[in-house]
Amino acid sequence: MKNNAYQMITVYDYVKMLDNEVKYIDNDSKEIRANVEKYLLNSRRAQTNAKLLEVLLG
């Protein structure tokens, strides 16, 4: 059995970290935050594009 060094974090602590209220745990956390921000930005863009398309077709 492989020994993995997992670190426990609560959802509340993770959200605070994403909101820049606490320092990063490690470099992986910075990468996770960047990926979450990219995902949210792409999601907002997709929603905006869908609304524009509805207006143009409607």
PDB file of N, CA and C in Angstrom:
ATOM      1  N   MET A   1       0.845  -1.173   0.000  1.00  0.00           N
ATOM      2  CA  MET A   1       0.000   0.000   0.000  1.00  0.00           C
ATOM      3  C   MET A   1       0.891   1.236   0.000  1.00  0.00           C
ATOM      4  N   LYS A   2       0.593   2.160  -0.866  1.00  0.00           N
ATOM      5  CA  LYS A   2       1.394   3.365  -1.033  1.00  0.00           C
ATOM      6  C   LYS A   2       1.022   4.414   0.016  1.00  0.00           C
ATOM      7  N   ASN A   3       2.012   5.066   0.566  1.00  0.00           N
ATOM      8  CA  ASN A   3       1.779   6.093   1.563  1.00  0.00           C
ATOM      9  C   ASN A   3       1.665   7.438   0.861  1.00  0.00           C
ATOM     10  N   ASN A   4       0.468   7.985   0.814  1.00  0.00           N
ATOM     11  CA  ASN A   4       0.240   9.290   0.194  1.00  0.00           C
ATOM     12  C   ASN A   4       0.113  10.352   1.275  1.00  0.00           C
ATOM     13  N   ALA A   5       0.725  11.479   1.044  1.00  0.00           N
ATOM     14  CA  ALA A   5       0.692  12.569   2.014  1.00  0.00           C
ATOM     15  C   ALA A   5      -0.474  13.503   1.676  1.00  0.00           C
ATOM     16  N   TYR A   6      -1.678  13.130   2.101  1.00  0.00           N
ATOM     17  CA  TYR A   6      -2.848  13.959   1.876  1.00  0.00           C
ATOM     18  C   TYR A   6      -3.002  14.926   3.039  1.00  0.00           C
ATOM     19  N   GLN A   7      -3.485  16.109   2.712  1.00  0.00           N
ATOM     20  CA  GLN A   7      -3.702  17.103   3.752  1.00  0.00           C
ATOM     21  C   GLN A   7      -5.192  17.401   3.824  1.00  0.00           C
ATOM     22  N   MET A   8      -5.746  17.326   5.012  1.00  0.00           N
ATOM     23  CA  MET A   8      -7.161  17.591   5.194  1.00  0.00           C
ATOM     24  C   MET A   8      -7.389  19.091   5.298  1.00  0.00           C
ATOM     25  N   ILE A   9      -8.477  19.554   4.676  1.00  0.00           N
ATOM     26  CA  ILE A   9      -8.863  20.953   4.761  1.00  0.00           C
ATOM     27  C   ILE A   9     -10.380  20.997   4.730  1.00  0.00           C
ATOM     28  N   THR A  10     -10.962  21.869   5.534  1.00  0.00           N
ATOM     29  CA  THR A  10     -12.414  21.987   5.534  1.00  0.00           C
ATOM     30  C   THR A  10     -12.840  22.827   4.338  1.00  0.00           C
ATOM     31  N   VAL A  11     -14.093  22.673   3.957  1.00  0.00           N
ATOM     32  CA  VAL A  11     -14.622  23.469   2.846  1.00  0.00           C
ATOM     33  C   VAL A  11     -14.547  24.948   3.192  1.00  0.00           C
ATOM     34  N   TYR A  12     -14.859  25.290   4.422  1.00  0.00           N
ATOM     35  CA  TYR A  12     -14.816  26.684   4.848  1.00  0.00           C
ATOM     36  C   TYR A  12     -13.406  27.257   4.699  1.00  0.00           C
ATOM     37  N   ASP A  13     -12.408  26.503   5.151  1.00  0.00           N
ATOM     38  CA  ASP A  13     -11.026  26.956   5.026  1.00  0.00           C
ATOM     39  C   ASP A  13     -10.614  27.085   3.565  1.00  0.00           C
ATOM     40  N   TYR A  14     -11.073  26.152   2.739  1.00  0.00           N
ATOM     41  CA  TYR A  14     -10.726  26.196   1.313  1.00  0.00           C
ATOM     42  C   TYR A  14     -11.342  27.423   0.648  1.00  0.00           C
ATOM     43  N   VAL A  15     -12.603  27.728   0.971  1.00  0.00           N
ATOM     44  CA  VAL A  15     -13.259  28.909   0.403  1.00  0.00           C
ATOM     45  C   VAL A  15     -12.556  30.175   0.876  1.00  0.00           C
ATOM     46  N   LYS A  16     -12.179  30.231   2.145  1.00  0.00           N
ATOM     47  CA  LYS A  16     -11.430  31.384   2.643  1.00  0.00           C
ATOM     48  C   LYS A  16     -10.120  31.532   1.883  1.00  0.00           C
ATOM     49  N   MET A  17      -9.465  30.417   1.606  1.00  0.00           N
ATOM     50  CA  MET A  17      -8.214  30.460   0.866  1.00  0.00           C
ATOM     51  C   MET A  17      -8.457  31.006  -0.536  1.00  0.00           C
ATOM     52  N   LEU A  18      -9.540  30.579  -1.174  1.00  0.00           N
ATOM     53  CA  LEU A  18      -9.858  31.071  -2.507  1.00  0.00           C
ATOM     54  C   LEU A  18     -10.168  32.561  -2.491  1.00  0.00           C
ATOM     55  N   ASP A  19     -10.709  33.040  -1.394  1.00  0.00           N
ATOM     56  CA  ASP A  19     -11.024  34.459  -1.262  1.00  0.00           C
ATOM     57  C   ASP A  19      -9.833  35.277  -0.777  1.00  0.00           C
ATOM     58  N   ASN A  20      -8.666  34.674  -0.752  1.00  0.00           N
ATOM     59  CA  ASN A  20      -7.427  35.334  -0.340  1.00  0.00           C
ATOM     60  C   ASN A  20      -7.426  35.771   1.118  1.00  0.00           C
ATOM     61  N   GLU A  21      -8.229  35.136   1.947  1.00  0.00           N
ATOM     62  CA  GLU A  21      -8.251  35.491   3.358  1.00  0.00           C
ATOM     63  C   GLU A  21      -7.162  34.764   4.138  1.00  0.00           C
ATOM     64  N   VAL A  22      -6.644  33.693   3.589  1.00  0.00           N
ATOM     65  CA  VAL A  22      -5.563  32.971   4.235  1.00  0.00           C
ATOM     66  C   VAL A  22      -4.469  32.709   3.218  1.00  0.00           C
ATOM     67  N   LYS A  23      -3.289  32.380   3.715  1.00  0.00           N
ATOM     68  CA  LYS A  23      -2.185  32.082   2.818  1.00  0.00           C
ATOM     69  C   LYS A  23      -2.358  30.697   2.219  1.00  0.00           C
ATOM     70  N   TYR A  24      -1.692  30.486   1.099  1.00  0.00           N
ATOM     71  CA  TYR A  24      -1.780  29.196   0.430  1.00  0.00           C
ATOM     72  C   TYR A  24      -1.086  28.121   1.245  1.00  0.00           C
ATOM     73  N   ILE A  25      -1.624  26.922   1.135  1.00  0.00           N
ATOM     74  CA  ILE A  25      -1.040  25.790   1.838  1.00  0.00           C
ATOM     75  C   ILE A  25       0.252  25.371   1.135  1.00  0.00           C
ATOM     76  N   ASP A  26       0.207  25.322  -0.197  1.00  0.00           N
ATOM     77  CA  ASP A  26       1.367  24.940  -0.986  1.00  0.00           C
ATOM     78  C   ASP A  26       1.160  25.380  -2.432  1.00  0.00           C
ATOM     79  N   ASN A  27       2.105  25.052  -3.302  1.00  0.00           N
ATOM     80  CA  ASN A  27       1.998  25.454  -4.698  1.00  0.00           C
ATOM     81  C   ASN A  27       0.825  24.786  -5.404  1.00  0.00           C
ATOM     82  N   ASP A  28       0.475  23.574  -4.992  1.00  0.00           N
ATOM     83  CA  ASP A  28      -0.680  22.903  -5.590  1.00  0.00           C
ATOM     84  C   ASP A  28      -1.952  23.699  -5.346  1.00  0.00           C
ATOM     85  N   SER A  29      -2.060  24.324  -4.193  1.00  0.00           N
ATOM     86  CA  SER A  29      -3.231  25.132  -3.878  1.00  0.00           C
ATOM     87  C   SER A  29      -3.323  26.333  -4.804  1.00  0.00           C
ATOM     88  N   LYS A  30      -2.186  26.921  -5.128  1.00  0.00           N
ATOM     89  CA  LYS A  30      -2.183  28.048  -6.065  1.00  0.00           C
ATOM     90  C   LYS A  30      -2.673  27.596  -7.433  1.00  0.00           C
ATOM     91  N   GLU A  31      -2.229  26.427  -7.860  1.00  0.00           N
ATOM     92  CA  GLU A  31      -2.642  25.905  -9.163  1.00  0.00           C
ATOM     93  C   GLU A  31      -4.131  25.574  -9.159  1.00  0.00           C
ATOM     94  N   ILE A  32      -4.617  24.997  -8.070  1.00  0.00           N
ATOM     95  CA  ILE A  32      -6.041  24.684  -7.954  1.00  0.00           C
ATOM     96  C   ILE A  32      -6.856  25.964  -8.024  1.00  0.00           C
ATOM     97  N   ARG A  33      -6.420  26.986  -7.310  1.00  0.00           N
ATOM     98  CA  ARG A  33      -7.147  28.258  -7.315  1.00  0.00           C
ATOM     99  C   ARG A  33      -7.182  28.845  -8.718  1.00  0.00           C
ATOM    100  N   ALA A  34      -6.064  28.819  -9.421  1.00  0.00           N
ATOM    101  CA  ALA A  34      -6.004  29.350 -10.779  1.00  0.00           C
ATOM    102  C   ALA A  34      -6.945  28.574 -11.697  1.00  0.00           C
ATOM    103  N   ASN A  35      -6.977  27.260 -11.559  1.00  0.00           N
ATOM    104  CA  ASN A  35      -7.858  26.447 -12.389  1.00  0.00           C
ATOM    105  C   ASN A  35      -9.327  26.702 -12.070  1.00  0.00           C
ATOM    106  N   VAL A  36      -9.652  26.888 -10.795  1.00  0.00           N
ATOM    107  CA  VAL A  36     -11.034  27.192 -10.410  1.00  0.00           C
ATOM    108  C   VAL A  36     -11.444  28.539 -10.988  1.00  0.00           C
ATOM    109  N   GLU A  37     -10.557  29.526 -10.920  1.00  0.00           N
ATOM    110  CA  GLU A  37     -10.871  30.840 -11.476  1.00  0.00           C
ATOM    111  C   GLU A  37     -11.072  30.765 -12.990  1.00  0.00           C
ATOM    112  N   LYS A  38     -10.232  30.000 -13.687  1.00  0.00           N
ATOM    113  CA  LYS A  38     -10.392  29.827 -15.140  1.00  0.00           C
ATOM    114  C   LYS A  38     -11.730  29.166 -15.454  1.00  0.00           C
ATOM    115  N   TYR A  39     -12.073  28.138 -14.686  1.00  0.00           N
ATOM    116  CA  TYR A  39     -13.338  27.441 -14.904  1.00  0.00           C
ATOM    117  C   TYR A  39     -14.516  28.390 -14.707  1.00  0.00           C
ATOM    118  N   LEU A  40     -14.496  29.163 -13.627  1.00  0.00           N
ATOM    119  CA  LEU A  40     -15.595  30.088 -13.360  1.00  0.00           C
ATOM    120  C   LEU A  40     -15.691  31.160 -14.438  1.00  0.00           C
ATOM    121  N   LEU A  41     -14.561  31.660 -14.903  1.00  0.00           N
ATOM    122  CA  LEU A  41     -14.554  32.658 -15.967  1.00  0.00           C
ATOM    123  C   LEU A  41     -15.140  32.067 -17.247  1.00  0.00           C
ATOM    124  N   ASN A  42     -14.713  30.868 -17.600  1.00  0.00           N
ATOM    125  CA  ASN A  42     -15.249  30.218 -18.803  1.00  0.00           C
ATOM    126  C   ASN A  42     -16.740  29.947 -18.671  1.00  0.00           C
ATOM    127  N   SER A  43     -17.182  29.601 -17.485  1.00  0.00           N
ATOM    128  CA  SER A  43     -18.595  29.361 -17.248  1.00  0.00           C
ATOM    129  C   SER A  43     -19.398  30.645 -17.431  1.00  0.00           C
ATOM    130  N   ARG A  44     -18.889  31.759 -16.890  1.00  0.00           N
ATOM    131  CA  ARG A  44     -19.572  33.046 -17.057  1.00  0.00           C
ATOM    132  C   ARG A  44     -19.610  33.463 -18.521  1.00  0.00           C
ATOM    133  N   ARG A  45     -18.516  33.226 -19.232  1.00  0.00           N
ATOM    134  CA  ARG A  45     -18.482  33.555 -20.664  1.00  0.00           C
ATOM    135  C   ARG A  45     -19.517  32.731 -21.425  1.00  0.00           C
ATOM    136  N   ALA A  46     -19.618  31.456 -21.113  1.00  0.00           N
ATOM    137  CA  ALA A  46     -20.582  30.590 -21.791  1.00  0.00           C
ATOM    138  C   ALA A  46     -22.005  31.060 -21.529  1.00  0.00           C
ATOM    139  N   GLN A  47     -22.302  31.455 -20.305  1.00  0.00           N
ATOM    140  CA  GLN A  47     -23.637  31.957 -19.980  1.00  0.00           C
ATOM    141  C   GLN A  47     -23.933  33.243 -20.734  1.00  0.00           C
ATOM    142  N   THR A  48     -22.952  34.132 -20.797  1.00  0.00           N
ATOM    143  CA  THR A  48     -23.125  35.387 -21.523  1.00  0.00           C
ATOM    144  C   THR A  48     -23.337  35.124 -23.005  1.00  0.00           C
ATOM    145  N   ASN A  49     -22.537  34.216 -23.576  1.00  0.00           N
ATOM    146  CA  ASN A  49     -22.693  33.886 -24.992  1.00  0.00           C
ATOM    147  C   ASN A  49     -24.055  33.275 -25.275  1.00  0.00           C
ATOM    148  N   ALA A  50     -24.547  32.444 -24.371  1.00  0.00           N
ATOM    149  CA  ALA A  50     -25.869  31.835 -24.551  1.00  0.00           C
ATOM    150  C   ALA A  50     -26.957  32.904 -24.528  1.00  0.00           C
ATOM    151  N   LYS A  51     -26.844  33.870 -23.627  1.00  0.00           N
ATOM    152  CA  LYS A  51     -27.834  34.949 -23.560  1.00  0.00           C
ATOM    153  C   LYS A  51     -27.781  35.801 -24.818  1.00  0.00           C
ATOM    154  N   LEU A  52     -26.593  36.111 -25.308  1.00  0.00           N
ATOM    155  CA  LEU A  52     -26.462  36.896 -26.541  1.00  0.00           C
ATOM    156  C   LEU A  52     -27.069  36.145 -27.714  1.00  0.00           C
ATOM    157  N   LEU A  53     -26.833  34.866 -27.803  1.00  0.00           N
ATOM    158  CA  LEU A  53     -27.378  34.057 -28.884  1.00  0.00           C
ATOM    159  C   LEU A  53     -28.901  34.040 -28.830  1.00  0.00           C
ATOM    160  N   GLU A  54     -29.464  33.935 -27.631  1.00  0.00           N
ATOM    161  CA  GLU A  54     -30.917  33.964 -27.488  1.00  0.00           C
ATOM    162  C   GLU A  54     -31.481  35.289 -27.980  1.00  0.00           C
ATOM    163  N   VAL A  55     -30.801  36.392 -27.640  1.00  0.00           N
ATOM    164  CA  VAL A  55     -31.272  37.717 -28.071  1.00  0.00           C
ATOM    165  C   VAL A  55     -31.194  37.836 -29.590  1.00  0.00           C
ATOM    166  N   LEU A  56     -30.091  37.361 -30.159  1.00  0.00           N
ATOM    167  CA  LEU A  56     -29.927  37.461 -31.601  1.00  0.00           C
ATOM    168  C   LEU A  56     -30.940  36.595 -32.361  1.00  0.00           C
ATOM    169  N   LEU A  57     -31.250  35.436 -31.824  1.00  0.00           N
ATOM    170  CA  LEU A  57     -32.197  34.548 -32.493  1.00  0.00           C
ATOM    171  C   LEU A  57     -33.645  34.875 -32.172  1.00  0.00           C
ATOM    172  N   GLY A  58     -33.872  35.575 -31.080  1.00  0.00           N
ATOM    173  CA  GLY A  58     -35.233  35.850 -30.621  1.00  0.00           C
ATOM    174  C   GLY A  58     -35.793  37.050 -31.217  1.00  0.00           C
TER     175      GLY A  58
END
